[in-house]
Amino acid sequence: MWSIVKREWKNYLKNPVFYIGAILVFLGVYMQLKPYLQLHYFTDEKELAKAEEQFGNEGVEGGYIPCSQEERYGVALKQIEQDLQSPFFGMSRQEAEEVVASMEHMSEKEAVAYLEQEYSFIIREGEGYFSYFDLKKGTLQEVNRYIEKKMEEACYTHYFAEKYADFFGLFMVFYAIILLAFLFWEDMKKNTYELLHTKPVSAVQYVLGKICGVWRLCWQLRLS
């Protein structure tokens, strides 16, 4: 099998598809990492709003930061207040506000039990409310303060390396699959598979050798 791996590795280096794919991988990774190449603090609210349009509400790059436990609890209570006013519960706005006010100093567990016992308001795990609201839209000062705090916990290269590993790994998986499929097709075209039947190589060894050859090459490309 190792002779197949060695042969495949050499064949890949001779194939222009390998170099074209490698260039596309590096370009793709660069385009994805380009926004993270510099540490950037937001300068005004307009820039913060523009970032939200560009990156969405998935992280600090879009102006969203993690909620504290108290903030998450407060947002959950507001959602519960709205649901209590729905036709199913039929509460007035004042009644719903009174119920929520009585829950402000409860723990999440106490609040869940209280709603279930007093109003048959059942909150199932994973339904939302206390577990769903993890991020909030931060103000200019809050977002910059969060970035500064993160920079104190670890250096910039640490966070950049995480992004690089994520994107490069994703691109390399697709690259390896396409390269492997293309070279299998080349072998079938040249009747290489029929030729291997004349050699003491099993089908399993042949397939594993092809796969290992691709992954060996991709690993070396990653290290470079």
C-alpha atoms as a PDB file:
ATOM      1  CA  MET A   1       0.000   0.000   0.000  1.00  0.00           C
ATOM      2  CA  TRP A   2       2.851   2.401   0.792  1.00  0.00           C
ATOM      3  CA  SER A   3       4.139   2.056  -2.749  1.00  0.00           C
ATOM      4  CA  ILE A   4       0.724   3.317  -3.932  1.00  0.00           C
ATOM      5  CA  VAL A   5       0.907   6.241  -1.518  1.00  0.00           C
ATOM      6  CA  LYS A   6       4.362   7.161  -2.781  1.00  0.00           C
ATOM      7  CA  ARG A   7       3.305   6.848  -6.414  1.00  0.00           C
ATOM      8  CA  GLU A   8       0.174   8.925  -5.886  1.00  0.00           C
ATOM      9  CA  TRP A   9       2.118  11.609  -4.053  1.00  0.00           C
ATOM     10  CA  LYS A  10       4.507  11.968  -6.983  1.00  0.00           C
ATOM     11  CA  ASN A  11       1.671  11.944  -9.508  1.00  0.00           C
ATOM     12  CA  TYR A  12      -0.135  14.727  -7.670  1.00  0.00           C
ATOM     13  CA  LEU A  13       2.963  16.920  -7.831  1.00  0.00           C
ATOM     14  CA  LYS A  14       3.045  16.470 -11.591  1.00  0.00           C
ATOM     15  CA  ASN A  15      -0.642  17.264 -12.055  1.00  0.00           C
ATOM     16  CA  PRO A  16      -1.583  20.918 -12.762  1.00  0.00           C
ATOM     17  CA  VAL A  17      -4.921  20.381 -11.003  1.00  0.00           C
ATOM     18  CA  PHE A  18      -3.045  20.179  -7.702  1.00  0.00           C
ATOM     19  CA  TYR A  19      -1.420  23.593  -8.174  1.00  0.00           C
ATOM     20  CA  ILE A  20      -4.603  25.229  -9.462  1.00  0.00           C
ATOM     21  CA  GLY A  21      -6.522  23.850  -6.484  1.00  0.00           C
ATOM     22  CA  ALA A  22      -3.800  24.965  -4.056  1.00  0.00           C
ATOM     23  CA  ILE A  23      -3.940  28.508  -5.419  1.00  0.00           C
ATOM     24  CA  LEU A  24      -7.743  28.559  -5.137  1.00  0.00           C
ATOM     25  CA  VAL A  25      -7.537  27.298  -1.539  1.00  0.00           C
ATOM     26  CA  PHE A  26      -5.087  30.012  -0.520  1.00  0.00           C
ATOM     27  CA  LEU A  27      -7.120  32.692  -2.283  1.00  0.00           C
ATOM     28  CA  GLY A  28     -10.309  31.478  -0.626  1.00  0.00           C
ATOM     29  CA  VAL A  29      -8.734  31.413   2.821  1.00  0.00           C
ATOM     30  CA  TYR A  30      -7.235  34.873   2.255  1.00  0.00           C
ATOM     31  CA  MET A  31     -10.592  36.362   1.242  1.00  0.00           C
ATOM     32  CA  GLN A  32     -12.244  34.890   4.325  1.00  0.00           C
ATOM     33  CA  LEU A  33      -9.474  36.077   6.659  1.00  0.00           C
ATOM     34  CA  LYS A  34      -9.016  39.504   5.105  1.00  0.00           C
ATOM     35  CA  PRO A  35     -11.400  41.252   7.561  1.00  0.00           C
ATOM     36  CA  TYR A  36      -9.399  39.806  10.478  1.00  0.00           C
ATOM     37  CA  LEU A  37      -5.911  40.819   9.324  1.00  0.00           C
ATOM     38  CA  GLN A  38      -5.943  43.918  11.528  1.00  0.00           C
ATOM     39  CA  LEU A  39      -7.168  44.510  15.039  1.00  0.00           C
ATOM     40  CA  HIS A  40      -9.811  47.180  14.704  1.00  0.00           C
ATOM     41  CA  TYR A  41     -11.789  49.185  17.250  1.00  0.00           C
ATOM     42  CA  PHE A  42     -15.041  50.806  16.150  1.00  0.00           C
ATOM     43  CA  THR A  43     -14.852  54.594  15.884  1.00  0.00           C
ATOM     44  CA  ASP A  44     -18.518  55.621  15.625  1.00  0.00           C
ATOM     45  CA  GLU A  45     -22.085  54.305  15.598  1.00  0.00           C
ATOM     46  CA  LYS A  46     -22.327  54.443  11.796  1.00  0.00           C
ATOM     47  CA  GLU A  47     -19.382  52.094  11.459  1.00  0.00           C
ATOM     48  CA  LEU A  48     -20.986  49.773  14.002  1.00  0.00           C
ATOM     49  CA  ALA A  49     -24.247  49.719  12.036  1.00  0.00           C
ATOM     50  CA  LYS A  50     -22.370  49.022   8.807  1.00  0.00           C
ATOM     51  CA  ALA A  51     -20.560  46.118  10.473  1.00  0.00           C
ATOM     52  CA  GLU A  52     -23.904  44.587  11.461  1.00  0.00           C
ATOM     53  CA  GLU A  53     -25.063  44.739   7.840  1.00  0.00           C
ATOM     54  CA  GLN A  54     -21.850  43.100   6.655  1.00  0.00           C
ATOM     55  CA  PHE A  55     -21.332  40.400   9.303  1.00  0.00           C
ATOM     56  CA  GLY A  56     -24.810  39.948  10.805  1.00  0.00           C
ATOM     57  CA  ASN A  57     -25.478  39.214  14.461  1.00  0.00           C
ATOM     58  CA  GLU A  58     -23.125  36.263  14.911  1.00  0.00           C
ATOM     59  CA  GLY A  59     -20.263  37.913  16.775  1.00  0.00           C
ATOM     60  CA  VAL A  60     -18.293  40.951  17.836  1.00  0.00           C
ATOM     61  CA  GLU A  61     -17.329  41.742  14.239  1.00  0.00           C
ATOM     62  CA  GLY A  62     -21.001  42.601  13.710  1.00  0.00           C
ATOM     63  CA  GLY A  63     -21.299  44.524  16.958  1.00  0.00           C
ATOM     64  CA  TYR A  64     -22.837  41.721  19.046  1.00  0.00           C
ATOM     65  CA  ILE A  65     -21.356  40.711  22.383  1.00  0.00           C
ATOM     66  CA  PRO A  66     -22.272  38.027  24.955  1.00  0.00           C
ATOM     67  CA  CYS A  67     -25.059  38.846  27.374  1.00  0.00           C
ATOM     68  CA  SER A  68     -24.454  38.656  31.090  1.00  0.00           C
ATOM     69  CA  GLN A  69     -26.682  36.286  33.043  1.00  0.00           C
ATOM     70  CA  GLU A  70     -28.716  39.234  34.354  1.00  0.00           C
ATOM     71  CA  GLU A  71     -29.189  40.702  30.868  1.00  0.00           C
ATOM     72  CA  ARG A  72     -30.237  37.365  29.428  1.00  0.00           C
ATOM     73  CA  TYR A  73     -32.703  36.899  32.260  1.00  0.00           C
ATOM     74  CA  GLY A  74     -34.160  40.367  31.637  1.00  0.00           C
ATOM     75  CA  VAL A  75     -34.637  39.709  27.909  1.00  0.00           C
ATOM     76  CA  ALA A  76     -36.303  36.376  28.712  1.00  0.00           C
ATOM     77  CA  LEU A  77     -38.738  38.080  31.096  1.00  0.00           C
ATOM     78  CA  LYS A  78     -39.729  40.556  28.387  1.00  0.00           C
ATOM     79  CA  GLN A  79     -40.474  37.677  26.029  1.00  0.00           C
ATOM     80  CA  ILE A  80     -42.500  35.909  28.708  1.00  0.00           C
ATOM     81  CA  GLU A  81     -44.429  39.125  29.335  1.00  0.00           C
ATOM     82  CA  GLN A  82     -45.397  39.278  25.662  1.00  0.00           C
ATOM     83  CA  ASP A  83     -46.455  35.621  25.618  1.00  0.00           C
ATOM     84  CA  LEU A  84     -48.640  36.071  28.701  1.00  0.00           C
ATOM     85  CA  GLN A  85     -50.599  38.678  26.744  1.00  0.00           C
ATOM     86  CA  SER A  86     -51.250  36.234  23.898  1.00  0.00           C
ATOM     87  CA  PRO A  87     -54.791  34.867  23.334  1.00  0.00           C
ATOM     88  CA  PHE A  88     -53.740  31.553  24.902  1.00  0.00           C
ATOM     89  CA  PHE A  89     -53.195  33.119  28.367  1.00  0.00           C
ATOM     90  CA  GLY A  90     -55.414  36.147  27.833  1.00  0.00           C
ATOM     91  CA  MET A  91     -53.715  38.452  30.326  1.00  0.00           C
ATOM     92  CA  SER A  92     -53.883  42.193  30.093  1.00  0.00           C
ATOM     93  CA  ARG A  93     -50.698  44.205  29.839  1.00  0.00           C
ATOM     94  CA  GLN A  94     -50.909  45.241  33.478  1.00  0.00           C
ATOM     95  CA  GLU A  95     -51.447  41.657  34.676  1.00  0.00           C
ATOM     96  CA  ALA A  96     -48.505  40.399  32.636  1.00  0.00           C
ATOM     97  CA  GLU A  97     -46.260  43.179  33.991  1.00  0.00           C
ATOM     98  CA  GLU A  98     -47.231  42.266  37.563  1.00  0.00           C
ATOM     99  CA  VAL A  99     -46.386  38.597  36.975  1.00  0.00           C
ATOM    100  CA  VAL A 100     -43.005  39.461  35.482  1.00  0.00           C
ATOM    101  CA  ALA A 101     -42.282  41.962  38.271  1.00  0.00           C
ATOM    102  CA  SER A 102     -42.799  39.213  40.853  1.00  0.00           C
ATOM    103  CA  MET A 103     -40.199  37.087  39.042  1.00  0.00           C
ATOM    104  CA  GLU A 104     -37.418  39.688  38.817  1.00  0.00           C
ATOM    105  CA  HIS A 105     -35.567  38.466  41.913  1.00  0.00           C
ATOM    106  CA  MET A 106     -36.104  34.756  41.284  1.00  0.00           C
ATOM    107  CA  SER A 107     -33.511  32.397  39.901  1.00  0.00           C
ATOM    108  CA  GLU A 108     -34.171  30.839  36.509  1.00  0.00           C
ATOM    109  CA  LYS A 109     -35.139  27.554  38.131  1.00  0.00           C
ATOM    110  CA  GLU A 110     -37.534  29.269  40.530  1.00  0.00           C
ATOM    111  CA  ALA A 111     -39.078  31.292  37.698  1.00  0.00           C
ATOM    112  CA  VAL A 112     -39.712  28.174  35.606  1.00  0.00           C
ATOM    113  CA  ALA A 113     -41.358  26.379  38.547  1.00  0.00           C
ATOM    114  CA  TYR A 114     -43.435  29.470  39.431  1.00  0.00           C
ATOM    115  CA  LEU A 115     -44.816  29.875  35.910  1.00  0.00           C
ATOM    116  CA  GLU A 116     -45.664  26.201  35.647  1.00  0.00           C
ATOM    117  CA  GLN A 117     -47.408  25.973  39.031  1.00  0.00           C
ATOM    118  CA  GLU A 118     -49.307  29.261  38.984  1.00  0.00           C
ATOM    119  CA  TYR A 119     -50.129  29.745  35.305  1.00  0.00           C
ATOM    120  CA  SER A 120     -49.452  26.369  33.597  1.00  0.00           C
ATOM    121  CA  PHE A 121     -46.795  28.173  31.576  1.00  0.00           C
ATOM    122  CA  ILE A 122     -44.433  25.330  30.769  1.00  0.00           C
ATOM    123  CA  ILE A 123     -40.921  26.137  29.549  1.00  0.00           C
ATOM    124  CA  ARG A 124     -39.260  23.085  28.037  1.00  0.00           C
ATOM    125  CA  GLU A 125     -35.518  22.695  27.726  1.00  0.00           C
ATOM    126  CA  GLY A 126     -34.250  24.100  24.438  1.00  0.00           C
ATOM    127  CA  GLU A 127     -37.454  26.088  23.886  1.00  0.00           C
ATOM    128  CA  GLY A 128     -35.717  29.396  24.347  1.00  0.00           C
ATOM    129  CA  TYR A 129     -36.385  32.061  26.930  1.00  0.00           C
ATOM    130  CA  PHE A 130     -33.631  31.625  29.538  1.00  0.00           C
ATOM    131  CA  SER A 131     -31.264  29.606  27.323  1.00  0.00           C
ATOM    132  CA  TYR A 132     -31.651  31.283  23.921  1.00  0.00           C
ATOM    133  CA  PHE A 133     -30.569  34.905  24.347  1.00  0.00           C
ATOM    134  CA  ASP A 134     -26.774  34.564  24.391  1.00  0.00           C
ATOM    135  CA  LEU A 135     -25.844  37.691  22.396  1.00  0.00           C
ATOM    136  CA  LYS A 136     -26.967  41.280  22.453  1.00  0.00           C
ATOM    137  CA  LYS A 137     -26.331  44.286  20.227  1.00  0.00           C
ATOM    138  CA  GLY A 138     -23.684  46.287  22.071  1.00  0.00           C
ATOM    139  CA  THR A 139     -23.137  50.004  22.156  1.00  0.00           C
ATOM    140  CA  LEU A 140     -19.946  51.514  20.756  1.00  0.00           C
ATOM    141  CA  GLN A 141     -18.354  51.625  24.215  1.00  0.00           C
ATOM    142  CA  GLU A 142     -19.477  48.090  25.128  1.00  0.00           C
ATOM    143  CA  VAL A 143     -18.133  46.527  21.933  1.00  0.00           C
ATOM    144  CA  ASN A 144     -14.747  48.269  22.172  1.00  0.00           C
ATOM    145  CA  ARG A 145     -14.496  47.365  25.853  1.00  0.00           C
ATOM    146  CA  TYR A 146     -15.241  43.725  25.012  1.00  0.00           C
ATOM    147  CA  ILE A 147     -12.513  43.688  22.323  1.00  0.00           C
ATOM    148  CA  GLU A 148     -10.030  45.239  24.739  1.00  0.00           C
ATOM    149  CA  LYS A 149     -10.876  42.654  27.388  1.00  0.00           C
ATOM    150  CA  LYS A 150     -10.387  39.799  24.930  1.00  0.00           C
ATOM    151  CA  MET A 151      -6.992  41.180  23.923  1.00  0.00           C
ATOM    152  CA  GLU A 152      -5.964  41.069  27.575  1.00  0.00           C
ATOM    153  CA  GLU A 153      -6.893  37.383  27.803  1.00  0.00           C
ATOM    154  CA  ALA A 154      -4.885  36.273  24.752  1.00  0.00           C
ATOM    155  CA  CYS A 155      -2.756  37.855  22.026  1.00  0.00           C
ATOM    156  CA  TYR A 156      -4.137  38.787  18.619  1.00  0.00           C
ATOM    157  CA  THR A 157      -2.308  35.938  16.856  1.00  0.00           C
ATOM    158  CA  HIS A 158      -4.150  33.421  19.063  1.00  0.00           C
ATOM    159  CA  TYR A 159      -7.555  34.516  17.767  1.00  0.00           C
ATOM    160  CA  PHE A 160      -6.300  34.844  14.196  1.00  0.00           C
ATOM    161  CA  ALA A 161      -4.846  31.327  14.307  1.00  0.00           C
ATOM    162  CA  GLU A 162      -8.240  29.961  15.363  1.00  0.00           C
ATOM    163  CA  LYS A 163      -9.912  31.628  12.374  1.00  0.00           C
ATOM    164  CA  TYR A 164      -7.152  30.414  10.059  1.00  0.00           C
ATOM    165  CA  ALA A 165      -7.442  26.819  11.262  1.00  0.00           C
ATOM    166  CA  ASP A 166     -11.239  26.873  10.846  1.00  0.00           C
ATOM    167  CA  PHE A 167     -11.305  28.272   7.320  1.00  0.00           C
ATOM    168  CA  PHE A 168      -8.227  26.446   6.038  1.00  0.00           C
ATOM    169  CA  GLY A 169      -9.495  23.130   7.351  1.00  0.00           C
ATOM    170  CA  LEU A 170     -12.871  23.671   5.689  1.00  0.00           C
ATOM    171  CA  PHE A 171     -11.337  24.544   2.315  1.00  0.00           C
ATOM    172  CA  MET A 172      -8.894  21.640   2.491  1.00  0.00           C
ATOM    173  CA  VAL A 173     -11.680  19.104   3.035  1.00  0.00           C
ATOM    174  CA  PHE A 174     -13.453  20.172  -0.145  1.00  0.00           C
ATOM    175  CA  TYR A 175     -10.137  20.413  -1.999  1.00  0.00           C
ATOM    176  CA  ALA A 176      -9.120  16.878  -1.000  1.00  0.00           C
ATOM    177  CA  ILE A 177     -12.490  15.431  -2.032  1.00  0.00           C
ATOM    178  CA  ILE A 178     -12.389  17.099  -5.456  1.00  0.00           C
ATOM    179  CA  LEU A 179      -8.734  16.167  -6.032  1.00  0.00           C
ATOM    180  CA  LEU A 180      -9.333  12.552  -5.037  1.00  0.00           C
ATOM    181  CA  ALA A 181     -12.378  12.239  -7.306  1.00  0.00           C
ATOM    182  CA  PHE A 182     -10.505  13.789 -10.224  1.00  0.00           C
ATOM    183  CA  LEU A 183      -7.536  11.454  -9.873  1.00  0.00           C
ATOM    184  CA  PHE A 184      -9.770   8.392  -9.538  1.00  0.00           C
ATOM    185  CA  TRP A 185     -11.300   9.434 -12.847  1.00  0.00           C
ATOM    186  CA  GLU A 186      -7.815   9.759 -14.350  1.00  0.00           C
ATOM    187  CA  ASP A 187      -6.985   6.219 -13.233  1.00  0.00           C
ATOM    188  CA  MET A 188     -10.160   4.842 -14.787  1.00  0.00           C
ATOM    189  CA  LYS A 189      -9.450   6.738 -17.998  1.00  0.00           C
ATOM    190  CA  LYS A 190      -5.956   5.259 -18.248  1.00  0.00           C
ATOM    191  CA  ASN A 191      -7.132   1.749 -17.220  1.00  0.00           C
ATOM    192  CA  THR A 192      -4.832   1.896 -14.189  1.00  0.00           C
ATOM    193  CA  TYR A 193      -7.355  -0.052 -12.115  1.00  0.00           C
ATOM    194  CA  GLU A 194      -7.274  -2.990 -14.568  1.00  0.00           C
ATOM    195  CA  LEU A 195      -3.480  -2.941 -14.496  1.00  0.00           C
ATOM    196  CA  LEU A 196      -3.499  -3.215 -10.708  1.00  0.00           C
ATOM    197  CA  HIS A 197      -5.356  -6.530 -10.975  1.00  0.00           C
ATOM    198  CA  THR A 198      -2.127  -7.990 -12.269  1.00  0.00           C
ATOM    199  CA  LYS A 199      -0.311  -6.923  -9.101  1.00  0.00           C
ATOM    200  CA  PRO A 200      -0.563  -8.289  -5.531  1.00  0.00           C
ATOM    201  CA  VAL A 201      -2.612  -5.281  -4.389  1.00  0.00           C
ATOM    202  CA  SER A 202      -6.093  -5.664  -2.900  1.00  0.00           C
ATOM    203  CA  ALA A 203      -8.954  -3.259  -3.564  1.00  0.00           C
ATOM    204  CA  VAL A 204      -8.770  -2.035   0.036  1.00  0.00           C
ATOM    205  CA  GLN A 205      -5.051  -1.300  -0.238  1.00  0.00           C
ATOM    206  CA  TYR A 206      -5.607   0.519  -3.525  1.00  0.00           C
ATOM    207  CA  VAL A 207      -8.367   2.778  -2.127  1.00  0.00           C
ATOM    208  CA  LEU A 208      -6.523   3.445   1.140  1.00  0.00           C
ATOM    209  CA  GLY A 209      -3.351   4.213  -0.774  1.00  0.00           C
ATOM    210  CA  LYS A 210      -5.159   6.784  -2.918  1.00  0.00           C
ATOM    211  CA  ILE A 211      -6.751   8.420   0.124  1.00  0.00           C
ATOM    212  CA  CYS A 212      -3.535   8.461   2.163  1.00  0.00           C
ATOM    213  CA  GLY A 213      -1.670   9.935  -0.793  1.00  0.00           C
ATOM    214  CA  VAL A 214      -4.145  12.823  -0.993  1.00  0.00           C
ATOM    215  CA  TRP A 215      -4.126  13.493   2.731  1.00  0.00           C
ATOM    216  CA  ARG A 216      -0.329  13.332   2.912  1.00  0.00           C
ATOM    217  CA  LEU A 217      -0.101  15.940   0.184  1.00  0.00           C
ATOM    218  CA  CYS A 218      -2.771  18.128   1.809  1.00  0.00           C
ATOM    219  CA  TRP A 219      -0.958  17.911   5.138  1.00  0.00           C
ATOM    220  CA  GLN A 220       2.277  19.097   3.547  1.00  0.00           C
ATOM    221  CA  LEU A 221       0.389  21.901   1.814  1.00  0.00           C
ATOM    222  CA  ARG A 222      -1.063  22.906   5.187  1.00  0.00           C
ATOM    223  CA  LEU A 223       2.385  23.011   6.805  1.00  0.00           C
ATOM    224  CA  SER A 224       3.739  25.144   4.002  1.00  0.00           C
END
